[in-house]
Amino acid sequence: MLKYWGVLSLVCLEACSPSASKSYFCEAQNAQPFDGFIRHYTVQNSPDRLCVSWAADVIHCGVFGKETTTSWVVNNATGTKSQLSYQAKMNVESVELTITRQDVLLLSPSTDEFAHSVVSDFEFSKNTLRLATRLDIRDPAAVIYNCSNWQKKPWWEWS
């Protein structure tokens, strides 16, 4: 019985202890003149990964120093399959997440025969609380978002 209470208290302690992850809410200050402009992002930064989200049900994460990939997604309408890869880097002043998409024709025997393109590049500065986004890593024009600390409220505190 004592062993049971010991395990239960460890589980409760772990569940109630603060997480090393920090979350930020980022908002564009000026609307941009292009279709598909994203006005808000959330950024989650933890010691081992950086996550960025712009949709309520999808989060994109990269592990520092390791490239990770999604499973292949088949699109029969276009005759292609796609895969996303994530690369996160930690610098002295900022953290970065680069999302790359690889598209391959379904009939192609090689995975190098079609397109390999950077979808998005994110650079978040914890010092200035700014998020810079680029649609292409070679694009010098970044859209800048001002960020603030963000913490989820329990459902009973929603107004």
Protein backbone atom coordinates (compact mmCIF):
# COMPACT_ATOMS: atom_id res chain seq x y z
CA MET A 1 0.00 0.00 0.00
CA LEU A 2 2.85 2.37 0.85
CA LYS A 3 4.41 1.64 -2.55
CA TYR A 4 1.11 2.57 -4.25
CA TRP A 5 0.97 5.98 -2.49
CA GLY A 6 4.62 6.62 -3.32
CA VAL A 7 4.02 6.02 -7.03
CA LEU A 8 0.83 8.09 -6.96
CA SER A 9 2.58 11.03 -5.29
CA LEU A 10 5.40 10.91 -7.86
CA VAL A 11 2.88 10.99 -10.70
CA CYS A 12 1.06 13.94 -9.11
CA LEU A 13 4.32 15.78 -8.50
CA GLU A 14 5.37 15.31 -12.12
CA ALA A 15 1.96 16.42 -13.41
CA CYS A 16 1.87 19.51 -11.22
CA SER A 17 5.48 20.64 -11.65
CA PRO A 18 6.10 23.53 -14.03
CA SER A 19 7.21 22.63 -17.53
CA ALA A 20 10.55 23.81 -18.95
CA SER A 21 8.66 24.78 -22.10
CA LYS A 22 7.69 28.41 -22.68
CA SER A 23 4.86 29.49 -24.95
CA TYR A 24 4.44 32.75 -26.82
CA PHE A 25 1.61 34.33 -28.79
CA CYS A 26 2.84 36.27 -31.83
CA GLU A 27 0.78 38.80 -33.76
CA ALA A 28 1.53 40.74 -36.95
CA GLN A 29 1.37 44.47 -36.49
CA ASN A 30 0.71 45.28 -40.16
CA ALA A 31 -1.38 43.35 -42.64
CA GLN A 32 0.61 42.11 -45.62
CA PRO A 33 -0.61 42.51 -49.20
CA PHE A 34 -0.69 38.84 -50.23
CA ASP A 35 -3.18 36.00 -50.12
CA GLY A 36 -2.82 33.48 -47.35
CA PHE A 37 -1.32 35.98 -44.90
CA ILE A 38 -1.21 34.48 -41.41
CA ARG A 39 -1.91 37.04 -38.70
CA HIS A 40 -1.16 34.96 -35.57
CA TYR A 41 1.36 32.30 -34.58
CA THR A 42 2.03 30.46 -31.35
CA VAL A 43 5.59 29.48 -30.52
CA GLN A 44 6.60 26.85 -27.97
CA ASN A 45 10.26 26.72 -27.01
CA SER A 46 11.65 23.95 -24.81
CA PRO A 47 15.22 22.82 -24.13
CA ASP A 48 15.10 20.16 -26.87
CA ARG A 49 12.67 21.52 -29.50
CA LEU A 50 10.94 24.47 -31.14
CA CYS A 51 7.29 24.26 -32.18
CA VAL A 52 5.29 26.71 -34.28
CA SER A 53 1.55 26.66 -34.94
CA TRP A 54 -0.74 28.81 -37.05
CA ALA A 55 -3.78 26.52 -37.05
CA ALA A 56 -5.63 25.35 -33.97
CA ASP A 57 -5.22 21.65 -34.73
CA VAL A 58 -1.72 21.46 -36.28
CA ILE A 59 1.63 22.03 -34.62
CA HIS A 60 4.97 21.84 -36.42
CA CYS A 61 7.99 20.89 -34.26
CA GLY A 62 11.68 20.50 -34.88
CA VAL A 63 14.17 18.86 -32.52
CA PHE A 64 17.42 20.80 -32.05
CA GLY A 65 20.30 19.23 -33.93
CA LYS A 66 18.19 16.51 -35.57
CA GLU A 67 16.20 16.45 -38.78
CA THR A 68 12.76 14.88 -38.40
CA THR A 69 10.25 13.99 -41.11
CA THR A 70 6.56 13.27 -41.45
CA SER A 71 5.20 10.21 -43.18
CA TRP A 72 4.44 10.50 -46.90
CA VAL A 73 1.02 11.93 -47.80
CA VAL A 74 -0.41 10.81 -51.15
CA ASN A 75 -2.46 13.20 -53.30
CA ASN A 76 -4.13 11.14 -56.04
CA ALA A 77 -5.58 14.26 -57.70
CA THR A 78 -2.10 15.61 -58.52
CA GLY A 79 -0.34 12.26 -58.78
CA THR A 80 2.21 13.21 -56.15
CA LYS A 81 3.21 12.30 -52.65
CA SER A 82 4.61 14.84 -50.18
CA GLN A 83 6.71 14.74 -47.04
CA LEU A 84 7.65 17.53 -44.63
CA SER A 85 10.98 17.68 -42.85
CA TYR A 86 11.78 19.85 -39.83
CA GLN A 87 15.17 21.22 -38.81
CA ALA A 88 15.57 23.29 -35.62
CA LYS A 89 18.68 25.24 -34.62
CA MET A 90 19.53 26.99 -31.39
CA ASN A 91 21.73 30.10 -31.58
CA VAL A 92 22.94 32.44 -28.84
CA GLU A 93 20.29 35.08 -29.59
CA SER A 94 17.53 33.07 -31.24
CA VAL A 95 16.06 29.73 -32.22
CA GLU A 96 15.13 28.73 -35.77
CA LEU A 97 12.79 26.23 -37.40
CA THR A 98 12.97 25.43 -41.11
CA ILE A 99 10.19 23.41 -42.73
CA THR A 100 11.04 21.78 -46.06
CA ARG A 101 8.62 19.94 -48.34
CA GLN A 102 9.60 17.22 -50.77
CA ASP A 103 7.16 16.38 -53.56
CA VAL A 104 7.61 13.23 -55.66
CA LEU A 105 5.59 11.91 -58.60
CA LEU A 106 3.78 8.70 -57.67
CA LEU A 107 5.09 6.90 -60.76
CA SER A 108 8.69 7.96 -60.12
CA PRO A 109 11.08 5.26 -58.87
CA SER A 110 13.37 7.87 -57.27
CA THR A 111 12.55 10.28 -54.44
CA ASP A 112 14.93 12.90 -55.89
CA GLU A 113 13.13 13.42 -59.21
CA PHE A 114 10.66 16.18 -58.42
CA ALA A 115 10.70 19.18 -56.06
CA HIS A 116 12.48 19.90 -52.80
CA SER A 117 11.49 23.32 -51.48
CA VAL A 118 11.56 25.32 -48.27
CA VAL A 119 8.00 25.93 -47.16
CA SER A 120 8.72 28.26 -44.25
CA ASP A 121 11.55 29.53 -42.10
CA PHE A 122 10.93 30.85 -38.59
CA GLU A 123 13.39 32.72 -36.38
CA PHE A 124 12.29 33.51 -32.83
CA SER A 125 14.24 35.81 -30.50
CA LYS A 126 13.60 35.32 -26.79
CA ASN A 127 15.38 38.62 -26.02
CA THR A 128 13.25 40.86 -28.25
CA LEU A 129 10.15 38.60 -28.28
CA ARG A 130 9.94 38.79 -32.06
CA LEU A 131 9.21 36.14 -34.64
CA ALA A 132 10.51 36.59 -38.20
CA THR A 133 8.95 34.40 -40.89
CA ARG A 134 10.09 33.84 -44.45
CA LEU A 135 8.36 31.85 -47.16
CA ASP A 136 11.75 31.02 -48.66
CA ILE A 137 15.03 30.81 -46.77
CA ARG A 138 16.73 32.91 -49.49
CA ASP A 139 14.09 35.65 -49.20
CA PRO A 140 15.55 38.63 -47.32
CA ALA A 141 12.10 40.15 -46.71
CA ALA A 142 10.78 38.69 -43.48
CA VAL A 143 7.40 39.37 -41.91
CA ILE A 144 7.96 40.40 -38.28
CA TYR A 145 5.55 39.44 -35.49
CA ASN A 146 5.59 40.88 -31.97
CA CYS A 147 5.22 38.18 -29.33
CA SER A 148 4.14 38.03 -25.71
CA ASN A 149 4.31 35.32 -23.06
CA TRP A 150 1.33 33.02 -23.39
CA GLN A 151 -0.11 30.55 -20.97
CA LYS A 152 -3.17 28.41 -21.45
CA LYS A 153 -5.96 29.14 -19.05
CA PRO A 154 -7.92 26.32 -17.48
CA TRP A 155 -11.35 25.98 -19.09
CA TRP A 156 -13.06 27.25 -15.94
CA GLU A 157 -11.27 30.62 -16.29
CA TRP A 158 -12.48 31.25 -19.85
CA SER A 159 -14.71 34.28 -20.12
